[in-house]
Amino acid sequence: MGAGYCVIGLEQTSPDSFCSTRPLPPKAFAWREPFPFKRGDSIYYEPVPTVAKRPHIEDQQCNGLQPTDRSLGEAELVECLRKAEFSSTLEYLFECQPQSSSGGGRAVWVNPQEARRSICGCEYDNIRFRLFPERDGFNLRAKLALASGERLDSIPIVDREWCRFAGSLVQRVKRSDPLPLAERFMNRSVANKLCATLKRFARIGLPRPRGDQQCWLMQDSLFPQPNSFWLDEI
């Protein structure tokens, strides 16, 4: 979310089900630094009555986030995410038909008027990373092969921990053009580690539509989460 964080959590609706909820700060859509919470933290907030607009039906305005004394580990968190919004196919991610861009990147978008939610989880069988150069750094993207056999060919990763991991990796590569080597490392060492586990899970989200009225799919969370010790292999 640019200079801030889009925070989305889970609210338990029954012993075996959860639904996503997105607490928004009093102004704007993103929480600014310093942001004291991390993935898995349990928080409390009082929602302010608002009318959420499709596809961001999970939005809830609030006056602030309060910490609790509980935090979920990664395994427990993924178990809860699997009991929330979940799809095994591209069409059911947002309950509408996704479209692909005509360019070489094959990015995927949905019509915000057709999408019925803005976040959903899915399992993946394989992953490939791409690091595209930008003026102020790089753009981290992935190609996901879903368990259904369908693919998401070019989806930006906005997961905070994965972006930090990729940034640390690029800094360790002692070359004038570090991105090609960093990308190879991600696809050989890191992707192999992810695909060797049974904990492969991703949360796919939608940004807020702009003037073109297209919501381009993005990868909000990628599990397993990165391990800083993997950087020692570079």
C-alpha atoms as a PDB file:
ATOM      1  CA  MET A   1       0.000   0.000   0.000  1.00  0.00           C
ATOM      2  CA  GLY A   2       2.726   2.466  -0.942  1.00  0.00           C
ATOM      3  CA  ALA A   3       4.039   4.079   2.237  1.00  0.00           C
ATOM      4  CA  GLY A   4       1.787   2.075   4.552  1.00  0.00           C
ATOM      5  CA  TYR A   5       0.423  -1.367   5.355  1.00  0.00           C
ATOM      6  CA  CYS A   6      -2.843  -2.979   4.374  1.00  0.00           C
ATOM      7  CA  VAL A   7      -3.812  -5.055   7.408  1.00  0.00           C
ATOM      8  CA  ILE A   8      -6.171  -7.987   7.081  1.00  0.00           C
ATOM      9  CA  GLY A   9      -7.016 -10.495   9.764  1.00  0.00           C
ATOM     10  CA  LEU A  10      -9.341 -13.343  10.631  1.00  0.00           C
ATOM     11  CA  GLU A  11     -12.449 -13.311  12.762  1.00  0.00           C
ATOM     12  CA  GLN A  12     -13.700 -16.651  14.048  1.00  0.00           C
ATOM     13  CA  THR A  13     -17.339 -17.223  13.098  1.00  0.00           C
ATOM     14  CA  SER A  14     -17.717 -20.796  14.385  1.00  0.00           C
ATOM     15  CA  PRO A  15     -15.453 -23.490  15.874  1.00  0.00           C
ATOM     16  CA  ASP A  16     -14.332 -24.516  12.371  1.00  0.00           C
ATOM     17  CA  SER A  17     -14.647 -21.401  10.245  1.00  0.00           C
ATOM     18  CA  PHE A  18     -13.203 -17.898   9.941  1.00  0.00           C
ATOM     19  CA  CYS A  19     -13.840 -14.861   7.770  1.00  0.00           C
ATOM     20  CA  SER A  20     -11.429 -12.148   6.741  1.00  0.00           C
ATOM     21  CA  THR A  21     -11.723  -8.664   8.164  1.00  0.00           C
ATOM     22  CA  ARG A  22      -9.743  -5.599   7.151  1.00  0.00           C
ATOM     23  CA  PRO A  23      -9.509  -2.953   9.905  1.00  0.00           C
ATOM     24  CA  LEU A  24      -8.911   0.474   8.400  1.00  0.00           C
ATOM     25  CA  PRO A  25      -7.330   3.438  10.201  1.00  0.00           C
ATOM     26  CA  PRO A  26      -9.492   6.501  10.925  1.00  0.00           C
ATOM     27  CA  LYS A  27      -8.216   8.129   7.723  1.00  0.00           C
ATOM     28  CA  ALA A  28      -7.120   6.596   4.419  1.00  0.00           C
ATOM     29  CA  PHE A  29      -6.679   2.870   3.782  1.00  0.00           C
ATOM     30  CA  ALA A  30      -3.151   2.144   5.016  1.00  0.00           C
ATOM     31  CA  TRP A  31      -1.545   2.008   8.457  1.00  0.00           C
ATOM     32  CA  ARG A  32       1.615   4.072   8.655  1.00  0.00           C
ATOM     33  CA  GLU A  33       4.936   3.422  10.340  1.00  0.00           C
ATOM     34  CA  PRO A  34       5.679   2.738  13.087  1.00  0.00           C
ATOM     35  CA  PHE A  35       3.432  -0.318  12.906  1.00  0.00           C
ATOM     36  CA  PRO A  36       4.014  -2.461  16.014  1.00  0.00           C
ATOM     37  CA  PHE A  37       2.273  -5.694  14.963  1.00  0.00           C
ATOM     38  CA  LYS A  38       3.512  -8.698  13.000  1.00  0.00           C
ATOM     39  CA  ARG A  39       1.829 -11.540  11.155  1.00  0.00           C
ATOM     40  CA  GLY A  40       0.006 -13.848  13.557  1.00  0.00           C
ATOM     41  CA  ASP A  41      -0.549 -11.293  16.321  1.00  0.00           C
ATOM     42  CA  SER A  42      -3.997 -11.281  17.887  1.00  0.00           C
ATOM     43  CA  ILE A  43      -5.475  -7.789  18.099  1.00  0.00           C
ATOM     44  CA  TYR A  44      -8.686  -6.155  19.233  1.00  0.00           C
ATOM     45  CA  TYR A  45     -10.538  -3.205  17.771  1.00  0.00           C
ATOM     46  CA  GLU A  46     -13.939  -1.557  17.940  1.00  0.00           C
ATOM     47  CA  PRO A  47     -15.449  -1.235  14.450  1.00  0.00           C
ATOM     48  CA  VAL A  48     -17.006   2.045  13.389  1.00  0.00           C
ATOM     49  CA  PRO A  49     -20.254   1.601  11.402  1.00  0.00           C
ATOM     50  CA  THR A  50     -19.390   1.923   7.699  1.00  0.00           C
ATOM     51  CA  VAL A  51     -20.674   0.612   4.392  1.00  0.00           C
ATOM     52  CA  ALA A  52     -18.040  -1.490   2.621  1.00  0.00           C
ATOM     53  CA  LYS A  53     -17.878  -1.271  -1.167  1.00  0.00           C
ATOM     54  CA  ARG A  54     -17.445  -4.293  -3.411  1.00  0.00           C
ATOM     55  CA  PRO A  55     -15.183  -6.022  -3.850  1.00  0.00           C
ATOM     56  CA  HIS A  56     -13.624  -4.914  -0.534  1.00  0.00           C
ATOM     57  CA  ILE A  57     -16.475  -6.259   1.578  1.00  0.00           C
ATOM     58  CA  GLU A  58     -14.021  -7.049   4.397  1.00  0.00           C
ATOM     59  CA  ASP A  59     -13.385  -3.348   5.187  1.00  0.00           C
ATOM     60  CA  GLN A  60     -14.155  -2.156   8.711  1.00  0.00           C
ATOM     61  CA  GLN A  61     -13.293   1.348   9.847  1.00  0.00           C
ATOM     62  CA  CYS A  62     -11.897   1.611  13.377  1.00  0.00           C
ATOM     63  CA  ASN A  63     -10.178   4.083  15.684  1.00  0.00           C
ATOM     64  CA  GLY A  64      -7.130   1.962  16.448  1.00  0.00           C
ATOM     65  CA  LEU A  65      -5.716  -1.510  17.051  1.00  0.00           C
ATOM     66  CA  GLN A  66      -5.175  -2.856  20.547  1.00  0.00           C
ATOM     67  CA  PRO A  67      -2.729  -5.687  21.322  1.00  0.00           C
ATOM     68  CA  THR A  68      -3.708  -8.852  23.164  1.00  0.00           C
ATOM     69  CA  ASP A  69      -1.482 -11.422  24.865  1.00  0.00           C
ATOM     70  CA  ARG A  70      -1.878 -14.025  22.107  1.00  0.00           C
ATOM     71  CA  SER A  71       0.015 -14.692  18.909  1.00  0.00           C
ATOM     72  CA  LEU A  72      -0.313 -17.573  16.428  1.00  0.00           C
ATOM     73  CA  GLY A  73       2.622 -19.507  15.047  1.00  0.00           C
ATOM     74  CA  GLU A  74       2.869 -20.089  11.313  1.00  0.00           C
ATOM     75  CA  ALA A  75       1.404 -23.605  11.340  1.00  0.00           C
ATOM     76  CA  GLU A  76      -1.583 -22.562  13.433  1.00  0.00           C
ATOM     77  CA  LEU A  77      -2.126 -19.452  11.339  1.00  0.00           C
ATOM     78  CA  VAL A  78      -2.173 -21.392   8.052  1.00  0.00           C
ATOM     79  CA  GLU A  79      -4.626 -23.870   9.573  1.00  0.00           C
ATOM     80  CA  CYS A  80      -6.953 -20.972  10.371  1.00  0.00           C
ATOM     81  CA  LEU A  81      -6.493 -19.457   6.902  1.00  0.00           C
ATOM     82  CA  ARG A  82      -7.531 -22.743   5.325  1.00  0.00           C
ATOM     83  CA  LYS A  83     -10.812 -22.476   7.232  1.00  0.00           C
ATOM     84  CA  ALA A  84     -11.478 -18.996   5.847  1.00  0.00           C
ATOM     85  CA  GLU A  85     -12.056 -17.989   2.210  1.00  0.00           C
ATOM     86  CA  PHE A  86     -10.566 -20.729   0.045  1.00  0.00           C
ATOM     87  CA  SER A  87     -10.639 -21.705  -3.614  1.00  0.00           C
ATOM     88  CA  SER A  88      -9.127 -24.483  -5.692  1.00  0.00           C
ATOM     89  CA  THR A  89      -9.782 -22.676  -9.000  1.00  0.00           C
ATOM     90  CA  LEU A  90      -9.046 -19.232 -10.446  1.00  0.00           C
ATOM     91  CA  GLU A  91     -12.690 -18.439 -11.139  1.00  0.00           C
ATOM     92  CA  TYR A  92     -13.805 -19.002  -7.555  1.00  0.00           C
ATOM     93  CA  LEU A  93     -11.018 -16.883  -6.012  1.00  0.00           C
ATOM     94  CA  PHE A  94     -13.240 -13.827  -6.308  1.00  0.00           C
ATOM     95  CA  GLU A  95     -16.329 -15.586  -7.672  1.00  0.00           C
ATOM     96  CA  CYS A  96     -15.865 -14.071 -11.122  1.00  0.00           C
ATOM     97  CA  GLN A  97     -13.908 -14.794 -14.274  1.00  0.00           C
ATOM     98  CA  PRO A  98     -10.332 -13.405 -14.205  1.00  0.00           C
ATOM     99  CA  GLN A  99      -8.775 -11.793 -17.276  1.00  0.00           C
ATOM    100  CA  SER A 100      -5.149 -11.750 -18.465  1.00  0.00           C
ATOM    101  CA  SER A 101      -3.245  -8.782 -19.836  1.00  0.00           C
ATOM    102  CA  SER A 102      -2.208  -8.915 -23.472  1.00  0.00           C
ATOM    103  CA  GLY A 103       1.442  -8.076 -22.793  1.00  0.00           C
ATOM    104  CA  GLY A 104       4.304 -10.452 -22.175  1.00  0.00           C
ATOM    105  CA  GLY A 105       3.892 -10.347 -18.413  1.00  0.00           C
ATOM    106  CA  ARG A 106       0.447 -11.946 -18.477  1.00  0.00           C
ATOM    107  CA  ALA A 107      -0.706 -10.202 -15.320  1.00  0.00           C
ATOM    108  CA  VAL A 108      -4.223 -11.113 -14.164  1.00  0.00           C
ATOM    109  CA  TRP A 109      -7.105  -8.807 -13.260  1.00  0.00           C
ATOM    110  CA  VAL A 110     -10.802  -8.928 -12.442  1.00  0.00           C
ATOM    111  CA  ASN A 111     -13.651  -6.494 -12.935  1.00  0.00           C
ATOM    112  CA  PRO A 112     -14.360  -4.875  -9.520  1.00  0.00           C
ATOM    113  CA  GLN A 113     -18.072  -4.785 -10.372  1.00  0.00           C
ATOM    114  CA  GLU A 114     -18.096  -8.571 -10.734  1.00  0.00           C
ATOM    115  CA  ALA A 115     -15.811  -9.615  -7.875  1.00  0.00           C
ATOM    116  CA  ARG A 116     -17.649 -10.588  -4.705  1.00  0.00           C
ATOM    117  CA  ARG A 117     -14.701 -10.355  -2.276  1.00  0.00           C
ATOM    118  CA  SER A 118     -11.144  -9.038  -2.255  1.00  0.00           C
ATOM    119  CA  ILE A 119      -9.156 -11.813  -0.539  1.00  0.00           C
ATOM    120  CA  CYS A 120      -8.984 -15.587  -0.881  1.00  0.00           C
ATOM    121  CA  GLY A 121      -6.603 -18.433  -0.108  1.00  0.00           C
ATOM    122  CA  CYS A 122      -5.388 -21.197  -2.408  1.00  0.00           C
ATOM    123  CA  GLU A 123      -2.906 -24.051  -2.523  1.00  0.00           C
ATOM    124  CA  TYR A 124      -0.078 -24.084  -5.040  1.00  0.00           C
ATOM    125  CA  ASP A 125       1.998 -26.924  -6.469  1.00  0.00           C
ATOM    126  CA  ASN A 126       4.901 -24.926  -7.869  1.00  0.00           C
ATOM    127  CA  ILE A 127       6.324 -21.422  -7.826  1.00  0.00           C
ATOM    128  CA  ARG A 128       8.832 -19.407  -9.842  1.00  0.00           C
ATOM    129  CA  PHE A 129      10.090 -15.966  -8.858  1.00  0.00           C
ATOM    130  CA  ARG A 130      10.850 -12.935 -11.031  1.00  0.00           C
ATOM    131  CA  LEU A 131      12.718  -9.776 -10.030  1.00  0.00           C
ATOM    132  CA  PHE A 132      12.086  -6.893 -12.409  1.00  0.00           C
ATOM    133  CA  PRO A 133      14.284  -3.775 -12.134  1.00  0.00           C
ATOM    134  CA  GLU A 134      12.633  -0.496 -11.199  1.00  0.00           C
ATOM    135  CA  ARG A 135      13.992   3.002 -10.670  1.00  0.00           C
ATOM    136  CA  ASP A 136      14.108   2.639  -6.879  1.00  0.00           C
ATOM    137  CA  GLY A 137      14.839  -1.085  -6.633  1.00  0.00           C
ATOM    138  CA  PHE A 138      12.921  -4.020  -8.047  1.00  0.00           C
ATOM    139  CA  ASN A 139       9.480  -5.547  -8.421  1.00  0.00           C
ATOM    140  CA  LEU A 140       9.079  -9.020  -6.913  1.00  0.00           C
ATOM    141  CA  ARG A 141       6.672 -11.244  -8.819  1.00  0.00           C
ATOM    142  CA  ALA A 142       5.804 -14.922  -8.945  1.00  0.00           C
ATOM    143  CA  LYS A 143       4.385 -17.509 -11.291  1.00  0.00           C
ATOM    144  CA  LEU A 144       2.109 -19.837  -9.363  1.00  0.00           C
ATOM    145  CA  ALA A 145       0.913 -23.245 -10.506  1.00  0.00           C
ATOM    146  CA  LEU A 146      -2.250 -23.961  -8.554  1.00  0.00           C
ATOM    147  CA  ALA A 147      -3.296 -27.391  -7.358  1.00  0.00           C
ATOM    148  CA  SER A 148      -6.095 -27.253  -9.949  1.00  0.00           C
ATOM    149  CA  GLY A 149      -3.523 -27.181 -12.760  1.00  0.00           C
ATOM    150  CA  GLU A 150      -4.264 -23.501 -13.552  1.00  0.00           C
ATOM    151  CA  ARG A 151      -1.568 -20.834 -13.445  1.00  0.00           C
ATOM    152  CA  LEU A 152      -1.108 -17.282 -12.316  1.00  0.00           C
ATOM    153  CA  ASP A 153       1.706 -16.200 -14.618  1.00  0.00           C
ATOM    154  CA  SER A 154       2.760 -12.832 -13.220  1.00  0.00           C
ATOM    155  CA  ILE A 155       1.495 -11.814  -9.814  1.00  0.00           C
ATOM    156  CA  PRO A 156       3.222  -9.180  -7.646  1.00  0.00           C
ATOM    157  CA  ILE A 157       4.208 -10.276  -4.148  1.00  0.00           C
ATOM    158  CA  VAL A 158       3.337  -7.649  -1.536  1.00  0.00           C
ATOM    159  CA  ASP A 159       3.916  -9.910   1.477  1.00  0.00           C
ATOM    160  CA  ARG A 160       6.039  -7.753   3.809  1.00  0.00           C
ATOM    161  CA  GLU A 161       8.363 -10.547   4.948  1.00  0.00           C
ATOM    162  CA  TRP A 162       8.998 -11.848   1.429  1.00  0.00           C
ATOM    163  CA  CYS A 163       9.744  -8.359   0.156  1.00  0.00           C
ATOM    164  CA  ARG A 164      12.192  -7.844   3.020  1.00  0.00           C
ATOM    165  CA  PHE A 165      13.814 -11.215   2.332  1.00  0.00           C
ATOM    166  CA  ALA A 166      14.257 -10.419  -1.366  1.00  0.00           C
ATOM    167  CA  GLY A 167      15.678  -6.993  -0.471  1.00  0.00           C
ATOM    168  CA  SER A 168      18.211  -8.562   1.891  1.00  0.00           C
ATOM    169  CA  LEU A 169      19.145 -11.102  -0.765  1.00  0.00           C
ATOM    170  CA  VAL A 170      19.788  -8.420  -3.397  1.00  0.00           C
ATOM    171  CA  GLN A 171      21.999  -6.517  -0.938  1.00  0.00           C
ATOM    172  CA  ARG A 172      24.124  -9.635  -0.364  1.00  0.00           C
ATOM    173  CA  VAL A 173      24.844 -10.126  -4.051  1.00  0.00           C
ATOM    174  CA  LYS A 174      28.115  -8.282  -4.629  1.00  0.00           C
ATOM    175  CA  ARG A 175      27.569  -7.396  -8.272  1.00  0.00           C
ATOM    176  CA  SER A 176      26.763  -4.256 -10.207  1.00  0.00           C
ATOM    177  CA  ASP A 177      23.662  -6.013 -11.571  1.00  0.00           C
ATOM    178  CA  PRO A 178      22.508  -8.259  -8.694  1.00  0.00           C
ATOM    179  CA  LEU A 179      18.964  -9.098  -9.878  1.00  0.00           C
ATOM    180  CA  PRO A 180      19.741 -11.986 -12.291  1.00  0.00           C
ATOM    181  CA  LEU A 181      21.802 -13.859  -9.690  1.00  0.00           C
ATOM    182  CA  ALA A 182      19.274 -13.134  -6.940  1.00  0.00           C
ATOM    183  CA  GLU A 183      16.479 -14.422  -9.169  1.00  0.00           C
ATOM    184  CA  ARG A 184      18.387 -17.628  -9.938  1.00  0.00           C
ATOM    185  CA  PHE A 185      18.977 -18.190  -6.235  1.00  0.00           C
ATOM    186  CA  MET A 186      15.266 -17.667  -5.495  1.00  0.00           C
ATOM    187  CA  ASN A 187      14.278 -20.198  -8.158  1.00  0.00           C
ATOM    188  CA  ARG A 188      16.863 -22.834  -7.350  1.00  0.00           C
ATOM    189  CA  SER A 189      17.303 -22.770  -3.616  1.00  0.00           C
ATOM    190  CA  VAL A 190      14.258 -20.969  -2.208  1.00  0.00           C
ATOM    191  CA  ALA A 191      11.589 -22.325  -4.569  1.00  0.00           C
ATOM    192  CA  ASN A 192      12.873 -25.863  -4.020  1.00  0.00           C
ATOM    193  CA  LYS A 193      12.476 -25.441  -0.263  1.00  0.00           C
ATOM    194  CA  LEU A 194       8.904 -24.239  -0.660  1.00  0.00           C
ATOM    195  CA  CYS A 195       7.903 -26.999  -3.056  1.00  0.00           C
ATOM    196  CA  ALA A 196       9.429 -29.678  -0.819  1.00  0.00           C
ATOM    197  CA  THR A 197       6.898 -28.981   1.937  1.00  0.00           C
ATOM    198  CA  LEU A 198       3.191 -29.758   2.301  1.00  0.00           C
ATOM    199  CA  LYS A 199       2.522 -26.292   3.755  1.00  0.00           C
ATOM    200  CA  ARG A 200       2.228 -24.493   0.409  1.00  0.00           C
ATOM    201  CA  PHE A 201      -0.450 -21.851   0.733  1.00  0.00           C
ATOM    202  CA  ALA A 202      -0.996 -18.396  -0.711  1.00  0.00           C
ATOM    203  CA  ARG A 203      -3.466 -15.592  -0.074  1.00  0.00           C
ATOM    204  CA  ILE A 204      -4.438 -13.673  -3.198  1.00  0.00           C
ATOM    205  CA  GLY A 205      -5.834 -10.163  -2.831  1.00  0.00           C
ATOM    206  CA  LEU A 206      -7.222  -7.294  -4.873  1.00  0.00           C
ATOM    207  CA  PRO A 207      -6.032  -3.680  -4.664  1.00  0.00           C
ATOM    208  CA  ARG A 208      -8.518  -0.856  -4.876  1.00  0.00           C
ATOM    209  CA  PRO A 209      -9.517  -0.053  -8.466  1.00  0.00           C
ATOM    210  CA  ARG A 210      -8.169   3.099 -10.059  1.00  0.00           C
ATOM    211  CA  GLY A 211      -9.275   4.956 -13.139  1.00  0.00           C
ATOM    212  CA  ASP A 212      -9.028   1.924 -15.399  1.00  0.00           C
ATOM    213  CA  GLN A 213     -11.501   0.063 -13.183  1.00  0.00           C
ATOM    214  CA  GLN A 214      -9.348  -3.052 -13.081  1.00  0.00           C
ATOM    215  CA  CYS A 215      -8.277  -4.908  -9.947  1.00  0.00           C
ATOM    216  CA  TRP A 216      -4.944  -6.583 -10.622  1.00  0.00           C
ATOM    217  CA  LEU A 217      -4.354  -9.704  -8.541  1.00  0.00           C
ATOM    218  CA  MET A 218      -1.539  -9.576  -5.982  1.00  0.00           C
ATOM    219  CA  GLN A 219      -0.057 -12.079  -3.564  1.00  0.00           C
ATOM    220  CA  ASP A 220      -0.764 -10.837  -0.051  1.00  0.00           C
ATOM    221  CA  SER A 221       0.784 -13.765   1.831  1.00  0.00           C
ATOM    222  CA  LEU A 222       3.015 -16.648   0.826  1.00  0.00           C
ATOM    223  CA  PHE A 223       3.596 -19.693   3.012  1.00  0.00           C
ATOM    224  CA  PRO A 224       5.933 -21.029   4.132  1.00  0.00           C
ATOM    225  CA  GLN A 225       7.341 -17.690   5.200  1.00  0.00           C
ATOM    226  CA  PRO A 226      11.019 -16.986   4.365  1.00  0.00           C
ATOM    227  CA  ASN A 227      13.819 -17.934   6.725  1.00  0.00           C
ATOM    228  CA  SER A 228      16.746 -15.534   7.104  1.00  0.00           C
ATOM    229  CA  PHE A 229      19.132 -18.510   7.402  1.00  0.00           C
ATOM    230  CA  TRP A 230      18.474 -19.283   3.733  1.00  0.00           C
ATOM    231  CA  LEU A 231      20.491 -16.184   2.875  1.00  0.00           C
ATOM    232  CA  ASP A 232      23.650 -17.867   4.152  1.00  0.00           C
ATOM    233  CA  GLU A 233      23.565 -20.148   1.088  1.00  0.00           C
ATOM    234  CA  ILE A 234      24.125 -17.309  -1.385  1.00  0.00           C
END
